[in-house]
Amino acid sequence: MTKGKSYQRYSAEFKRMALLKASEDGVTANGVCEELGISFRQLSRWRDEFRLKGDLAFTNNKQTRNDELIKLKKELEKVKKERDFLKDAVVFFAKESE
């Protein structure tokens, strides 16, 4: 059984640096690709993504989802504490009014 081709993953910073370098005067995209060891096609995909999404390009959706999940868990914990406090307050005031 053969394994599928593994792909190199590049950070958002690396992609932005490659695009910035390729946009400098007197520098060719092919030269940047050779220097960084990436294909021209890959650089073109990154350029297209950056044109479409701007500053949101190359964001890691998995990380964004993890951040959102952490935020929601913290919020849920806070809401549960508030709910429990209110339950205790209802019991306390119910006893006081008797």
N, C-alpha and C. Protein backbone atom coordinates (compact mmCIF):
# COMPACT_ATOMS: atom_id res chain seq x y z
N MET A 1 0.84 -1.18 0.00
CA MET A 1 0.00 0.00 0.00
C MET A 1 0.89 1.25 0.00
N THR A 2 0.64 2.16 -0.90
CA THR A 2 1.46 3.36 -0.97
C THR A 2 0.74 4.52 -0.33
N LYS A 3 1.52 5.38 0.26
CA LYS A 3 0.96 6.57 0.88
C LYS A 3 0.83 7.66 -0.18
N GLY A 4 -0.15 8.55 0.03
CA GLY A 4 -0.32 9.68 -0.87
C GLY A 4 0.83 10.67 -0.73
N LYS A 5 0.92 11.54 -1.66
CA LYS A 5 1.99 12.54 -1.64
C LYS A 5 1.78 13.49 -0.46
N SER A 6 2.84 13.72 0.29
CA SER A 6 2.73 14.66 1.41
C SER A 6 3.10 16.05 0.88
N TYR A 7 2.43 17.04 1.40
CA TYR A 7 2.62 18.40 0.94
C TYR A 7 3.26 19.24 2.03
N GLN A 8 4.09 20.15 1.62
CA GLN A 8 4.73 21.08 2.53
C GLN A 8 3.70 22.14 2.93
N ARG A 9 3.61 22.43 4.20
CA ARG A 9 2.73 23.47 4.70
C ARG A 9 3.58 24.70 5.01
N TYR A 10 3.12 25.84 4.58
CA TYR A 10 3.84 27.08 4.81
C TYR A 10 3.02 28.00 5.70
N SER A 11 3.71 28.72 6.56
CA SER A 11 3.02 29.64 7.47
C SER A 11 2.52 30.86 6.70
N ALA A 12 1.58 31.55 7.30
CA ALA A 12 1.04 32.77 6.69
C ALA A 12 2.15 33.80 6.52
N GLU A 13 3.06 33.87 7.49
CA GLU A 13 4.17 34.83 7.42
C GLU A 13 5.07 34.52 6.24
N PHE A 14 5.34 33.23 6.01
CA PHE A 14 6.18 32.82 4.89
C PHE A 14 5.53 33.22 3.57
N LYS A 15 4.24 32.98 3.45
CA LYS A 15 3.52 33.31 2.21
C LYS A 15 3.54 34.80 1.96
N ARG A 16 3.29 35.59 3.00
CA ARG A 16 3.30 37.06 2.83
C ARG A 16 4.69 37.56 2.47
N MET A 17 5.71 36.96 3.11
CA MET A 17 7.09 37.35 2.81
C MET A 17 7.43 37.03 1.36
N ALA A 18 6.99 35.87 0.87
CA ALA A 18 7.26 35.48 -0.51
C ALA A 18 6.60 36.45 -1.48
N LEU A 19 5.35 36.82 -1.19
CA LEU A 19 4.64 37.76 -2.06
C LEU A 19 5.28 39.14 -2.03
N LEU A 20 5.71 39.57 -0.86
CA LEU A 20 6.36 40.87 -0.74
C LEU A 20 7.67 40.89 -1.51
N LYS A 21 8.43 39.82 -1.37
CA LYS A 21 9.71 39.70 -2.07
C LYS A 21 9.49 39.70 -3.58
N ALA A 22 8.46 38.99 -4.04
CA ALA A 22 8.18 38.89 -5.47
C ALA A 22 7.70 40.21 -6.05
N SER A 23 7.19 41.10 -5.19
CA SER A 23 6.67 42.38 -5.70
C SER A 23 7.72 43.49 -5.71
N GLU A 24 8.91 43.19 -5.21
CA GLU A 24 9.97 44.20 -5.19
C GLU A 24 10.45 44.49 -6.62
N ASP A 25 10.89 45.72 -6.82
CA ASP A 25 11.41 46.12 -8.13
C ASP A 25 12.68 45.34 -8.45
N GLY A 26 12.78 44.88 -9.69
CA GLY A 26 13.97 44.18 -10.15
C GLY A 26 14.04 42.73 -9.73
N VAL A 27 13.01 42.23 -9.09
CA VAL A 27 12.99 40.83 -8.64
C VAL A 27 11.93 40.09 -9.45
N THR A 28 12.30 38.92 -9.95
CA THR A 28 11.33 38.14 -10.72
C THR A 28 10.67 37.10 -9.83
N ALA A 29 9.44 36.75 -10.17
CA ALA A 29 8.72 35.73 -9.42
C ALA A 29 9.45 34.40 -9.50
N ASN A 30 9.99 34.10 -10.68
CA ASN A 30 10.73 32.84 -10.83
C ASN A 30 11.97 32.81 -9.93
N GLY A 31 12.63 33.95 -9.81
CA GLY A 31 13.80 34.04 -8.95
C GLY A 31 13.44 33.80 -7.48
N VAL A 32 12.32 34.37 -7.06
CA VAL A 32 11.85 34.17 -5.68
C VAL A 32 11.50 32.71 -5.46
N CYS A 33 10.85 32.10 -6.44
CA CYS A 33 10.47 30.69 -6.32
C CYS A 33 11.69 29.80 -6.19
N GLU A 34 12.68 30.07 -6.98
CA GLU A 34 13.92 29.29 -6.91
C GLU A 34 14.59 29.47 -5.55
N GLU A 35 14.67 30.71 -5.11
CA GLU A 35 15.32 31.02 -3.85
C GLU A 35 14.62 30.34 -2.66
N LEU A 36 13.28 30.32 -2.69
CA LEU A 36 12.52 29.78 -1.57
C LEU A 36 12.18 28.30 -1.72
N GLY A 37 12.42 27.76 -2.91
CA GLY A 37 12.14 26.34 -3.12
C GLY A 37 10.66 26.03 -3.27
N ILE A 38 9.94 26.95 -3.89
CA ILE A 38 8.51 26.74 -4.13
C ILE A 38 8.26 26.82 -5.63
N SER A 39 7.12 26.33 -6.05
CA SER A 39 6.81 26.38 -7.48
C SER A 39 6.16 27.72 -7.83
N PHE A 40 6.29 28.08 -9.09
CA PHE A 40 5.67 29.31 -9.57
C PHE A 40 4.15 29.21 -9.43
N ARG A 41 3.63 28.03 -9.65
CA ARG A 41 2.17 27.81 -9.53
C ARG A 41 1.70 28.08 -8.09
N GLN A 42 2.50 27.64 -7.13
CA GLN A 42 2.15 27.86 -5.72
C GLN A 42 2.14 29.35 -5.40
N LEU A 43 3.17 30.05 -5.85
CA LEU A 43 3.24 31.49 -5.62
C LEU A 43 2.05 32.20 -6.26
N SER A 44 1.67 31.75 -7.44
CA SER A 44 0.51 32.34 -8.13
C SER A 44 -0.78 32.12 -7.34
N ARG A 45 -0.93 30.92 -6.76
CA ARG A 45 -2.13 30.65 -5.94
C ARG A 45 -2.16 31.58 -4.73
N TRP A 46 -1.02 31.76 -4.10
CA TRP A 46 -0.96 32.64 -2.94
C TRP A 46 -1.30 34.07 -3.33
N ARG A 47 -0.79 34.50 -4.49
CA ARG A 47 -1.06 35.85 -4.98
C ARG A 47 -2.57 36.03 -5.24
N ASP A 48 -3.18 35.02 -5.87
CA ASP A 48 -4.62 35.07 -6.14
C ASP A 48 -5.43 35.13 -4.85
N GLU A 49 -5.06 34.31 -3.88
CA GLU A 49 -5.77 34.30 -2.60
C GLU A 49 -5.64 35.65 -1.91
N PHE A 50 -4.45 36.24 -1.97
CA PHE A 50 -4.24 37.54 -1.34
C PHE A 50 -5.06 38.62 -2.04
N ARG A 51 -5.15 38.55 -3.34
CA ARG A 51 -5.97 39.53 -4.09
C ARG A 51 -7.44 39.41 -3.73
N LEU A 52 -7.92 38.19 -3.54
CA LEU A 52 -9.33 37.97 -3.20
C LEU A 52 -9.66 38.34 -1.76
N LYS A 53 -8.81 37.92 -0.83
CA LYS A 53 -9.15 38.05 0.58
C LYS A 53 -8.43 39.18 1.30
N GLY A 54 -7.41 39.73 0.69
CA GLY A 54 -6.66 40.81 1.34
C GLY A 54 -5.99 40.34 2.62
N ASP A 55 -6.14 41.11 3.69
CA ASP A 55 -5.48 40.78 4.96
C ASP A 55 -6.01 39.49 5.59
N LEU A 56 -7.17 39.03 5.16
CA LEU A 56 -7.72 37.78 5.71
C LEU A 56 -7.15 36.55 5.02
N ALA A 57 -6.35 36.77 4.00
CA ALA A 57 -5.74 35.64 3.30
C ALA A 57 -4.80 34.90 4.24
N PHE A 58 -4.73 33.61 4.05
CA PHE A 58 -3.82 32.73 4.77
C PHE A 58 -4.15 32.55 6.24
N THR A 59 -5.35 32.96 6.66
CA THR A 59 -5.72 32.70 8.05
C THR A 59 -6.04 31.23 8.19
N ASN A 60 -5.70 30.73 9.31
CA ASN A 60 -5.89 29.32 9.58
C ASN A 60 -7.28 29.12 10.16
N ASN A 61 -8.20 28.57 9.36
CA ASN A 61 -9.58 28.37 9.83
C ASN A 61 -9.63 27.47 11.05
N LYS A 62 -8.77 26.49 11.11
CA LYS A 62 -8.76 25.58 12.25
C LYS A 62 -8.43 26.36 13.52
N GLN A 63 -7.44 27.22 13.44
CA GLN A 63 -7.06 28.02 14.60
C GLN A 63 -8.19 28.98 14.96
N THR A 64 -8.82 29.58 13.99
CA THR A 64 -9.92 30.50 14.24
C THR A 64 -11.05 29.76 14.94
N ARG A 65 -11.36 28.57 14.50
CA ARG A 65 -12.41 27.78 15.14
C ARG A 65 -12.03 27.41 16.56
N ASN A 66 -10.78 27.05 16.78
CA ASN A 66 -10.32 26.73 18.13
C ASN A 66 -10.44 27.93 19.04
N ASP A 67 -10.06 29.10 18.55
CA ASP A 67 -10.17 30.33 19.34
C ASP A 67 -11.63 30.60 19.69
N GLU A 68 -12.50 30.43 18.71
CA GLU A 68 -13.93 30.65 18.94
C GLU A 68 -14.47 29.65 19.95
N LEU A 69 -14.06 28.40 19.85
CA LEU A 69 -14.51 27.37 20.78
C LEU A 69 -14.07 27.70 22.21
N ILE A 70 -12.83 28.13 22.36
CA ILE A 70 -12.32 28.51 23.69
C ILE A 70 -13.12 29.67 24.24
N LYS A 71 -13.38 30.66 23.41
CA LYS A 71 -14.15 31.84 23.83
C LYS A 71 -15.56 31.43 24.26
N LEU A 72 -16.20 30.56 23.49
CA LEU A 72 -17.55 30.12 23.82
C LEU A 72 -17.59 29.30 25.10
N LYS A 73 -16.57 28.48 25.33
CA LYS A 73 -16.51 27.70 26.56
C LYS A 73 -16.37 28.61 27.78
N LYS A 74 -15.54 29.64 27.66
CA LYS A 74 -15.38 30.59 28.76
C LYS A 74 -16.69 31.33 29.03
N GLU A 75 -17.35 31.73 27.96
CA GLU A 75 -18.63 32.43 28.09
C GLU A 75 -19.68 31.53 28.73
N LEU A 76 -19.71 30.27 28.34
CA LEU A 76 -20.65 29.32 28.93
C LEU A 76 -20.39 29.15 30.42
N GLU A 77 -19.12 29.06 30.79
CA GLU A 77 -18.77 28.92 32.20
C GLU A 77 -19.25 30.13 33.00
N LYS A 78 -19.07 31.32 32.42
CA LYS A 78 -19.51 32.55 33.09
C LYS A 78 -21.02 32.57 33.25
N VAL A 79 -21.73 32.20 32.21
CA VAL A 79 -23.20 32.20 32.25
C VAL A 79 -23.71 31.18 33.27
N LYS A 80 -23.06 30.02 33.36
CA LYS A 80 -23.45 29.02 34.35
C LYS A 80 -23.26 29.55 35.76
N LYS A 81 -22.15 30.24 36.01
CA LYS A 81 -21.91 30.83 37.33
C LYS A 81 -22.98 31.86 37.67
N GLU A 82 -23.33 32.69 36.68
CA GLU A 82 -24.37 33.70 36.90
C GLU A 82 -25.71 33.03 37.19
N ARG A 83 -26.02 31.98 36.46
CA ARG A 83 -27.27 31.25 36.67
C ARG A 83 -27.31 30.66 38.08
N ASP A 84 -26.20 30.02 38.48
CA ASP A 84 -26.16 29.42 39.81
C ASP A 84 -26.29 30.48 40.90
N PHE A 85 -25.67 31.63 40.70
CA PHE A 85 -25.78 32.73 41.66
C PHE A 85 -27.23 33.18 41.78
N LEU A 86 -27.91 33.32 40.64
CA LEU A 86 -29.31 33.76 40.66
C LEU A 86 -30.21 32.72 41.32
N LYS A 87 -29.93 31.45 41.10
CA LYS A 87 -30.70 30.40 41.77
C LYS A 87 -30.55 30.52 43.29
N ASP A 88 -29.31 30.70 43.74
CA ASP A 88 -29.05 30.84 45.17
C ASP A 88 -29.74 32.09 45.72
N ALA A 89 -29.73 33.18 44.95
CA ALA A 89 -30.37 34.41 45.39
C ALA A 89 -31.88 34.22 45.52
N VAL A 90 -32.50 33.49 44.60
CA VAL A 90 -33.94 33.22 44.66
C VAL A 90 -34.26 32.43 45.92
N VAL A 91 -33.46 31.43 46.20
CA VAL A 91 -33.68 30.62 47.40
C VAL A 91 -33.54 31.48 48.65
N PHE A 92 -32.49 32.30 48.68
CA PHE A 92 -32.24 33.14 49.84
C PHE A 92 -33.40 34.09 50.08
N PHE A 93 -33.85 34.79 49.02
CA PHE A 93 -34.93 35.77 49.20
C PHE A 93 -36.26 35.07 49.46
N ALA A 94 -36.45 33.89 48.97
CA ALA A 94 -37.67 33.13 49.27
C ALA A 94 -37.74 32.79 50.75
N LYS A 95 -36.60 32.43 51.34
CA LYS A 95 -36.54 32.13 52.78
C LYS A 95 -36.74 33.38 53.61
N GLU A 96 -36.21 34.50 53.15
CA GLU A 96 -36.33 35.79 53.87
C GLU A 96 -37.79 36.25 53.90
N SER A 97 -38.54 36.00 52.84
CA SER A 97 -39.91 36.52 52.78
C SER A 97 -40.89 35.64 53.54
N GLU A 98 -40.46 34.49 54.04
CA GLU A 98 -41.37 33.59 54.77
C GLU A 98 -41.61 34.05 56.17
